[in-house]
Amino acid sequence: MIELDNVNYSYGGAELLRGVSVQLAPGTFHFLTGPSGAGKTTLIRLCYGALRPTAGQVRVFDTDMTRLDRDQMAMIRRRIGVVHQDCQFLDHLPVADNIALPLIVSGRDVAAEAGNLAELMKWVGLGARADALPPELSGGERQRAALARAVIMSPDVILADEPTGNVDWDMSQRLLQLLVELNRMGKTILVASHDLALIRAAKNQVQARVLRISNKTLQLAGADL
């Protein structure tokens, strides 16, 4: 579904990633780890076309991302759900409307999707918080809302950048369980995380491949993780 072939990325004259090759096959679950500043967010942004590689090729759904025009890129991105690390919302809109924003942007009939939206909010444990404003949400509720927004369009791939970075262990486990359930539904999952305890816990629930960024390159983490 997503394939990086010998990808380099530099910014401001500094090389951030070098010779990165990886394939995210349909229905697989991957973790991406490495120290802060190693390039995890950069790699995720390369995966959905927010950044373009300095060298090498990024292919998404068998399409070279550099060959897409703006409209084609928008269509591709509808098939990729992204959970951003900073979880930005429109604070003047209720959480239900924030979650529904991808439907509005894509021109879908939100009223016709009301049942699906309500079911999704219940699934992430926010059924009783539909009318709350984002500033009223806890850290865990914001992360669950961000995940719901990322999957509202039923994407084929979900890219999550440190989705448990601002929540406690119990909430981390709950968010992980939601991602595992999505993978069991056939979604391809890539989770960037520096939380090795969470990754170890996940490997007891799902067959996950663990990738590590080290010295600007991507490596397969060994059994010592």
Protein backbone atom coordinates (compact mmCIF):
# COMPACT_ATOMS: atom_id res chain seq x y z
CA MET A 1 0.00 0.00 0.00
CA ILE A 2 2.81 2.38 0.92
CA GLU A 3 6.35 1.77 -0.26
CA LEU A 4 9.47 3.86 0.28
CA ASP A 5 12.36 2.92 -2.00
CA ASN A 6 15.84 4.18 -1.06
CA VAL A 7 14.40 7.47 0.20
CA ASN A 8 16.58 10.35 1.40
CA TYR A 9 15.26 13.50 3.01
CA SER A 10 17.17 16.68 3.76
CA TYR A 11 16.00 20.01 5.11
CA GLY A 12 17.96 23.25 5.27
CA GLY A 13 21.06 21.45 4.06
CA ALA A 14 20.91 18.87 6.86
CA GLU A 15 20.31 15.22 6.05
CA LEU A 16 17.52 13.74 8.23
CA LEU A 17 16.91 10.36 6.59
CA ARG A 18 19.13 8.28 4.32
CA GLY A 19 18.46 5.20 2.18
CA VAL A 20 15.09 4.39 3.76
CA SER A 21 13.30 1.42 2.18
CA VAL A 22 10.15 -0.09 3.67
CA GLN A 23 6.87 -1.58 2.48
CA LEU A 24 3.62 -1.33 4.41
CA ALA A 25 1.63 -4.23 2.97
CA PRO A 26 -2.18 -4.46 3.23
CA GLY A 27 -3.39 -5.49 6.68
CA THR A 28 -0.01 -5.23 8.41
CA PHE A 29 0.82 -3.53 11.71
CA HIS A 30 4.08 -1.63 12.12
CA PHE A 31 5.65 0.30 14.96
CA LEU A 32 8.20 3.01 14.24
CA THR A 33 10.54 3.82 17.08
CA GLY A 34 13.69 5.80 17.75
CA PRO A 35 14.82 8.67 19.96
CA SER A 36 13.20 12.11 19.87
CA GLY A 37 14.40 13.99 16.79
CA ALA A 38 15.38 10.80 14.95
CA GLY A 39 12.92 11.49 12.12
CA LYS A 40 9.78 9.50 12.98
CA THR A 41 7.41 12.37 12.19
CA THR A 42 9.36 13.14 9.00
CA LEU A 43 8.99 9.55 7.82
CA ILE A 44 5.26 9.55 8.51
CA ARG A 45 4.84 12.81 6.59
CA LEU A 46 6.70 11.27 3.65
CA CYS A 47 4.26 8.35 3.74
CA TYR A 48 1.22 10.53 3.01
CA GLY A 49 2.81 13.11 0.75
CA ALA A 50 3.09 16.04 3.17
CA LEU A 51 6.81 15.98 2.41
CA ARG A 52 8.55 14.96 -0.78
CA PRO A 53 11.78 12.96 -0.69
CA THR A 54 15.07 14.57 -1.64
CA ALA A 55 15.94 11.34 -3.41
CA GLY A 56 14.29 7.96 -3.92
CA GLN A 57 10.64 7.15 -4.50
CA VAL A 58 7.46 7.02 -2.43
CA ARG A 59 4.66 4.90 -3.90
CA VAL A 60 1.18 4.88 -2.41
CA PHE A 61 -1.44 2.46 -3.76
CA ASP A 62 0.96 1.71 -6.66
CA THR A 63 1.23 5.40 -7.56
CA ASP A 64 4.38 7.54 -7.52
CA MET A 65 3.46 10.44 -5.21
CA THR A 66 5.66 12.90 -7.13
CA ARG A 67 3.54 12.41 -10.26
CA LEU A 68 0.25 13.45 -8.64
CA ASP A 69 -1.37 16.83 -9.09
CA ARG A 70 -3.18 18.55 -6.23
CA ASP A 71 -6.57 16.93 -6.88
CA GLN A 72 -5.08 13.46 -7.30
CA MET A 73 -3.14 13.91 -4.06
CA ALA A 74 -6.34 14.86 -2.25
CA MET A 75 -8.06 11.71 -3.50
CA ILE A 76 -5.15 9.53 -2.35
CA ARG A 77 -5.15 11.13 1.10
CA ARG A 78 -8.80 10.22 1.61
CA ARG A 79 -7.59 6.63 1.83
CA ILE A 80 -5.05 7.48 4.55
CA GLY A 81 -6.05 8.47 8.09
CA VAL A 82 -3.47 10.44 10.05
CA VAL A 83 -3.42 10.89 13.83
CA HIS A 84 -1.18 13.89 14.39
CA GLN A 85 0.93 14.24 17.51
CA ASP A 86 -0.48 17.66 18.40
CA CYS A 87 -4.22 16.84 17.92
CA GLN A 88 -5.40 20.21 16.59
CA PHE A 89 -9.14 20.91 16.72
CA LEU A 90 -11.46 23.84 15.99
CA ASP A 91 -12.21 24.94 19.55
CA HIS A 92 -15.51 26.65 18.69
CA LEU A 93 -17.05 23.45 17.26
CA PRO A 94 -18.37 20.50 19.30
CA VAL A 95 -16.24 17.39 19.24
CA ALA A 96 -18.76 15.59 16.99
CA ASP A 97 -18.41 18.32 14.35
CA ASN A 98 -14.61 18.18 14.63
CA ILE A 99 -14.66 14.44 14.03
CA ALA A 100 -16.98 14.94 11.04
CA LEU A 101 -14.76 17.56 9.36
CA PRO A 102 -13.21 15.09 6.84
CA LEU A 103 -16.73 14.25 5.65
CA ILE A 104 -17.50 17.93 5.12
CA VAL A 105 -14.23 18.61 3.28
CA SER A 106 -14.81 15.64 0.97
CA GLY A 107 -18.34 16.80 0.14
CA ARG A 108 -20.12 13.88 1.84
CA ASP A 109 -23.65 14.27 3.23
CA VAL A 110 -22.96 14.59 6.97
CA ALA A 111 -26.64 14.18 7.87
CA ALA A 112 -26.71 10.85 6.04
CA GLU A 113 -23.63 9.77 7.97
CA ALA A 114 -25.07 10.72 11.39
CA GLY A 115 -25.64 7.12 12.41
CA ASN A 116 -22.10 6.08 11.49
CA LEU A 117 -20.70 9.11 13.33
CA ALA A 118 -22.64 8.28 16.48
CA GLU A 119 -21.50 4.65 16.33
CA LEU A 120 -17.88 5.68 15.85
CA MET A 121 -18.01 8.06 18.81
CA LYS A 122 -19.46 5.30 20.97
CA TRP A 123 -16.71 2.93 19.76
CA VAL A 124 -13.96 5.32 20.92
CA GLY A 125 -15.76 5.99 24.19
CA LEU A 126 -16.95 9.52 23.39
CA GLY A 127 -20.65 8.87 22.88
CA ALA A 128 -21.56 11.06 25.85
CA ARG A 129 -19.18 13.85 24.81
CA ALA A 130 -20.55 14.68 21.35
CA ASP A 131 -21.54 18.23 22.34
CA ALA A 132 -18.41 19.03 24.37
CA LEU A 133 -15.99 21.62 23.04
CA PRO A 134 -12.35 20.55 22.52
CA PRO A 135 -10.99 22.64 25.45
CA GLU A 136 -13.30 20.65 27.75
CA LEU A 137 -11.75 17.31 26.77
CA SER A 138 -9.09 15.49 28.76
CA GLY A 139 -5.85 14.44 27.09
CA GLY A 140 -7.13 10.92 26.56
CA GLU A 141 -10.43 12.15 25.14
CA ARG A 142 -8.58 14.40 22.69
CA GLN A 143 -6.46 11.48 21.49
CA ARG A 144 -9.55 9.30 21.03
CA ALA A 145 -11.26 12.12 19.15
CA ALA A 146 -8.20 12.46 16.93
CA LEU A 147 -8.31 8.73 16.18
CA ALA A 148 -12.03 8.90 15.40
CA ARG A 149 -11.45 11.81 13.01
CA ALA A 150 -8.67 9.85 11.30
CA VAL A 151 -10.90 6.83 10.63
CA ILE A 152 -14.24 8.56 9.87
CA MET A 153 -13.64 8.10 6.12
CA SER A 154 -12.83 4.39 6.63
CA PRO A 155 -9.29 4.73 5.27
CA ASP A 156 -7.19 1.79 4.13
CA VAL A 157 -4.12 3.00 6.04
CA ILE A 158 -3.82 4.68 9.46
CA LEU A 159 -0.65 6.56 10.37
CA ALA A 160 -0.46 7.52 14.05
CA ASP A 161 2.30 9.82 15.31
CA GLU A 162 2.88 9.28 19.05
CA PRO A 163 -0.86 8.74 19.69
CA THR A 164 -0.22 7.83 23.35
CA GLY A 165 2.38 10.49 24.08
CA ASN A 166 0.21 12.63 26.37
CA VAL A 167 -1.85 10.03 28.22
CA ASP A 168 -1.36 7.64 31.14
CA TRP A 169 -0.70 3.90 30.83
CA ASP A 170 -4.35 2.81 31.11
CA MET A 171 -5.39 5.21 28.36
CA SER A 172 -2.41 4.14 26.25
CA GLN A 173 -3.68 0.58 26.46
CA ARG A 174 -7.18 1.66 25.45
CA LEU A 175 -5.90 3.57 22.42
CA LEU A 176 -3.69 0.63 21.49
CA GLN A 177 -6.69 -1.69 21.65
CA LEU A 178 -8.59 0.55 19.24
CA LEU A 179 -5.68 0.41 16.78
CA VAL A 180 -5.46 -3.38 17.15
CA GLU A 181 -9.20 -3.67 16.41
CA LEU A 182 -8.78 -1.52 13.30
CA ASN A 183 -5.97 -3.80 12.14
CA ARG A 184 -8.19 -6.84 12.68
CA MET A 185 -10.71 -5.13 10.40
CA GLY A 186 -8.05 -5.19 7.67
CA LYS A 187 -6.55 -1.71 8.07
CA THR A 188 -2.81 -1.17 7.60
CA ILE A 189 -1.40 0.51 10.71
CA LEU A 190 1.84 2.42 11.33
CA VAL A 191 2.35 3.80 14.84
CA ALA A 192 5.30 6.02 15.73
CA SER A 193 6.14 5.65 19.41
CA HIS A 194 9.10 5.93 21.75
CA ASP A 195 7.24 3.92 24.41
CA LEU A 196 8.96 0.52 24.32
CA ALA A 197 6.74 -0.87 27.10
CA LEU A 198 3.67 -0.13 24.96
CA ILE A 199 5.26 -1.80 21.94
CA ARG A 200 6.09 -4.90 23.97
CA ALA A 201 2.50 -5.01 25.24
CA ALA A 202 1.18 -4.67 21.70
CA LYS A 203 3.22 -7.60 20.44
CA ASN A 204 1.21 -9.83 22.80
CA GLN A 205 -1.97 -8.79 20.98
CA VAL A 206 -1.02 -8.40 17.34
CA GLN A 207 1.66 -9.57 14.94
CA ALA A 208 3.60 -6.33 14.66
CA ARG A 209 6.82 -5.49 12.88
CA VAL A 210 9.01 -3.01 14.74
CA LEU A 211 11.13 -0.55 12.78
CA ARG A 212 13.76 1.67 14.34
CA ILE A 213 15.32 4.88 13.03
CA SER A 214 18.96 5.06 14.03
CA ASN A 215 21.73 7.21 12.54
CA LYS A 216 19.32 8.50 9.86
CA THR A 217 18.59 4.98 8.57
CA LEU A 218 15.67 2.61 9.07
CA GLN A 219 16.36 -0.78 10.60
CA LEU A 220 14.30 -3.77 11.66
CA ALA A 221 14.39 -3.93 15.44
CA GLY A 222 15.59 -7.24 16.81
CA ALA A 223 14.38 -9.44 19.64
CA ASP A 224 16.22 -7.23 22.14
CA LEU A 225 13.47 -4.59 21.95
